[in-house]
Amino acid sequence: MNILFYFVIVVHVIVCLFLVGVVLIQQGRSADLAGAFGGQGSQTAFGPRAAANVLTRLTTWSAVIFMCTSLILVVLYARSTGPHSVLDGTTAPASAPAKSGK
């Protein structure tokens, strides 16, 4: 189980870096020089729509893989450490009952 946990962490980090790179590569709508003047042409290698479709699909799939690995990591961590609470290890302060004002 320990090997699986570390394998998922490695996959998760790789997907995180890939997702950041793919998002940074993408251009906004009409972000090229022709878009600044209202033109619809573009001089990209894949054409104006094909490159956007490839990058959009890569972003979508890497986001799905990122979410799945995040959920898998939570489940693996919870199973390896057992039940725990945020309040474990804290002590409740002992308080005396309030005195009546009469």
C-alpha atoms as a PDB file:
ATOM      1  CA  MET A   1       0.000   0.000   0.000  1.00  0.00           C
ATOM      2  CA  ASN A   2       2.944   2.284   0.714  1.00  0.00           C
ATOM      3  CA  ILE A   3       4.329   1.841  -2.812  1.00  0.00           C
ATOM      4  CA  LEU A   4       0.931   2.632  -4.318  1.00  0.00           C
ATOM      5  CA  PHE A   5       0.717   5.824  -2.246  1.00  0.00           C
ATOM      6  CA  TYR A   6       4.092   7.068  -3.482  1.00  0.00           C
ATOM      7  CA  PHE A   7       3.304   6.072  -7.070  1.00  0.00           C
ATOM      8  CA  VAL A   8       0.094   8.113  -7.002  1.00  0.00           C
ATOM      9  CA  ILE A   9       1.998  11.074  -5.531  1.00  0.00           C
ATOM     10  CA  VAL A  10       4.512  10.934  -8.389  1.00  0.00           C
ATOM     11  CA  VAL A  11       1.720  10.757 -10.986  1.00  0.00           C
ATOM     12  CA  HIS A  12      -0.074  13.601  -9.217  1.00  0.00           C
ATOM     13  CA  VAL A  13       2.980  15.885  -9.291  1.00  0.00           C
ATOM     14  CA  ILE A  14       3.635  15.141 -12.970  1.00  0.00           C
ATOM     15  CA  VAL A  15       0.007  15.896 -13.842  1.00  0.00           C
ATOM     16  CA  CYS A  16       0.159  19.122 -11.806  1.00  0.00           C
ATOM     17  CA  LEU A  17       3.202  20.357 -13.696  1.00  0.00           C
ATOM     18  CA  PHE A  18       1.691  19.317 -17.037  1.00  0.00           C
ATOM     19  CA  LEU A  19      -1.570  21.097 -16.217  1.00  0.00           C
ATOM     20  CA  VAL A  20       0.258  24.310 -15.316  1.00  0.00           C
ATOM     21  CA  GLY A  21       2.224  24.150 -18.564  1.00  0.00           C
ATOM     22  CA  VAL A  22      -0.813  23.489 -20.746  1.00  0.00           C
ATOM     23  CA  VAL A  23      -2.777  26.321 -19.168  1.00  0.00           C
ATOM     24  CA  LEU A  24       0.111  28.746 -19.617  1.00  0.00           C
ATOM     25  CA  ILE A  25       0.565  27.783 -23.282  1.00  0.00           C
ATOM     26  CA  GLN A  26      -3.035  28.580 -24.165  1.00  0.00           C
ATOM     27  CA  GLN A  27      -3.931  31.919 -25.644  1.00  0.00           C
ATOM     28  CA  GLY A  28      -7.025  33.852 -24.808  1.00  0.00           C
ATOM     29  CA  ARG A  29      -9.642  34.489 -27.444  1.00  0.00           C
ATOM     30  CA  SER A  30      -8.379  36.918 -30.087  1.00  0.00           C
ATOM     31  CA  ALA A  31      -5.020  37.163 -28.352  1.00  0.00           C
ATOM     32  CA  ASP A  32      -2.952  37.277 -31.533  1.00  0.00           C
ATOM     33  CA  LEU A  33      -2.146  40.390 -33.574  1.00  0.00           C
ATOM     34  CA  ALA A  34      -4.983  39.863 -36.061  1.00  0.00           C
ATOM     35  CA  GLY A  35      -7.471  39.643 -33.190  1.00  0.00           C
ATOM     36  CA  ALA A  36      -6.386  43.047 -31.927  1.00  0.00           C
ATOM     37  CA  PHE A  37      -7.619  44.627 -35.146  1.00  0.00           C
ATOM     38  CA  GLY A  38     -10.759  42.523 -35.494  1.00  0.00           C
ATOM     39  CA  GLY A  39      -9.368  39.971 -37.956  1.00  0.00           C
ATOM     40  CA  GLN A  40     -10.269  36.311 -37.762  1.00  0.00           C
ATOM     41  CA  GLY A  41      -7.107  34.901 -39.357  1.00  0.00           C
ATOM     42  CA  SER A  42      -4.320  33.258 -37.475  1.00  0.00           C
ATOM     43  CA  GLN A  43      -0.941  31.883 -38.468  1.00  0.00           C
ATOM     44  CA  THR A  44      -0.598  29.018 -36.032  1.00  0.00           C
ATOM     45  CA  ALA A  45       0.744  25.636 -37.072  1.00  0.00           C
ATOM     46  CA  PHE A  46      -2.556  23.816 -36.502  1.00  0.00           C
ATOM     47  CA  GLY A  47      -4.879  26.590 -37.654  1.00  0.00           C
ATOM     48  CA  PRO A  48      -6.867  28.837 -35.359  1.00  0.00           C
ATOM     49  CA  ARG A  49      -9.362  26.220 -34.134  1.00  0.00           C
ATOM     50  CA  ALA A  50      -7.329  23.003 -34.227  1.00  0.00           C
ATOM     51  CA  ALA A  51      -4.695  24.229 -31.778  1.00  0.00           C
ATOM     52  CA  ALA A  52      -7.354  25.477 -29.411  1.00  0.00           C
ATOM     53  CA  ASN A  53      -9.165  22.143 -29.545  1.00  0.00           C
ATOM     54  CA  VAL A  54      -6.005  20.142 -28.813  1.00  0.00           C
ATOM     55  CA  LEU A  55      -5.016  22.374 -25.891  1.00  0.00           C
ATOM     56  CA  THR A  56      -8.567  22.408 -24.556  1.00  0.00           C
ATOM     57  CA  ARG A  57      -8.731  18.633 -24.618  1.00  0.00           C
ATOM     58  CA  LEU A  58      -5.323  18.323 -22.955  1.00  0.00           C
ATOM     59  CA  THR A  59      -6.422  20.752 -20.253  1.00  0.00           C
ATOM     60  CA  THR A  60      -9.667  18.890 -19.678  1.00  0.00           C
ATOM     61  CA  TRP A  61      -8.059  15.463 -19.424  1.00  0.00           C
ATOM     62  CA  SER A  62      -5.224  16.636 -17.211  1.00  0.00           C
ATOM     63  CA  ALA A  63      -7.746  18.339 -14.901  1.00  0.00           C
ATOM     64  CA  VAL A  64      -9.778  15.120 -14.696  1.00  0.00           C
ATOM     65  CA  ILE A  65      -6.652  13.094 -13.907  1.00  0.00           C
ATOM     66  CA  PHE A  66      -5.629  15.700 -11.303  1.00  0.00           C
ATOM     67  CA  MET A  67      -9.003  15.433  -9.549  1.00  0.00           C
ATOM     68  CA  CYS A  68      -8.947  11.634  -9.624  1.00  0.00           C
ATOM     69  CA  THR A  69      -5.433  11.426  -8.190  1.00  0.00           C
ATOM     70  CA  SER A  70      -6.412  13.936  -5.501  1.00  0.00           C
ATOM     71  CA  LEU A  71      -9.340  11.768  -4.423  1.00  0.00           C
ATOM     72  CA  ILE A  72      -7.222   8.610  -4.552  1.00  0.00           C
ATOM     73  CA  LEU A  73      -4.576  10.250  -2.357  1.00  0.00           C
ATOM     74  CA  VAL A  74      -7.185  11.249   0.220  1.00  0.00           C
ATOM     75  CA  VAL A  75      -8.603   7.723   0.353  1.00  0.00           C
ATOM     76  CA  LEU A  76      -5.152   6.098   0.583  1.00  0.00           C
ATOM     77  CA  TYR A  77      -4.052   8.485   3.322  1.00  0.00           C
ATOM     78  CA  ALA A  78      -7.221   7.963   5.338  1.00  0.00           C
ATOM     79  CA  ARG A  79      -6.884   4.186   5.119  1.00  0.00           C
ATOM     80  CA  SER A  80      -3.214   4.182   6.094  1.00  0.00           C
ATOM     81  CA  THR A  81      -3.542   6.402   9.166  1.00  0.00           C
ATOM     82  CA  GLY A  82      -6.891   5.194  10.492  1.00  0.00           C
ATOM     83  CA  PRO A  83      -9.645   7.359  11.881  1.00  0.00           C
ATOM     84  CA  HIS A  84      -8.502  10.696  13.168  1.00  0.00           C
ATOM     85  CA  SER A  85      -9.962  14.042  14.072  1.00  0.00           C
ATOM     86  CA  VAL A  86      -8.800  17.624  14.043  1.00  0.00           C
ATOM     87  CA  LEU A  87      -9.371  17.741  17.806  1.00  0.00           C
ATOM     88  CA  ASP A  88      -7.100  14.782  18.604  1.00  0.00           C
ATOM     89  CA  GLY A  89      -4.420  15.730  21.079  1.00  0.00           C
ATOM     90  CA  THR A  90      -6.275  18.705  22.552  1.00  0.00           C
ATOM     91  CA  THR A  91      -7.527  18.822  26.097  1.00  0.00           C
ATOM     92  CA  ALA A  92     -10.727  20.487  27.165  1.00  0.00           C
ATOM     93  CA  PRO A  93     -10.111  23.207  29.735  1.00  0.00           C
ATOM     94  CA  ALA A  94     -11.576  22.454  33.138  1.00  0.00           C
ATOM     95  CA  SER A  95     -13.952  25.222  34.039  1.00  0.00           C
ATOM     96  CA  ALA A  96     -15.785  25.874  37.249  1.00  0.00           C
ATOM     97  CA  PRO A  97     -19.502  26.517  37.145  1.00  0.00           C
ATOM     98  CA  ALA A  98     -20.496  30.149  36.965  1.00  0.00           C
ATOM     99  CA  LYS A  99     -21.348  31.830  40.260  1.00  0.00           C
ATOM    100  CA  SER A 100     -24.793  33.196  40.628  1.00  0.00           C
ATOM    101  CA  GLY A 101     -25.118  36.948  40.787  1.00  0.00           C
ATOM    102  CA  LYS A 102     -27.464  36.836  43.809  1.00  0.00           C
END
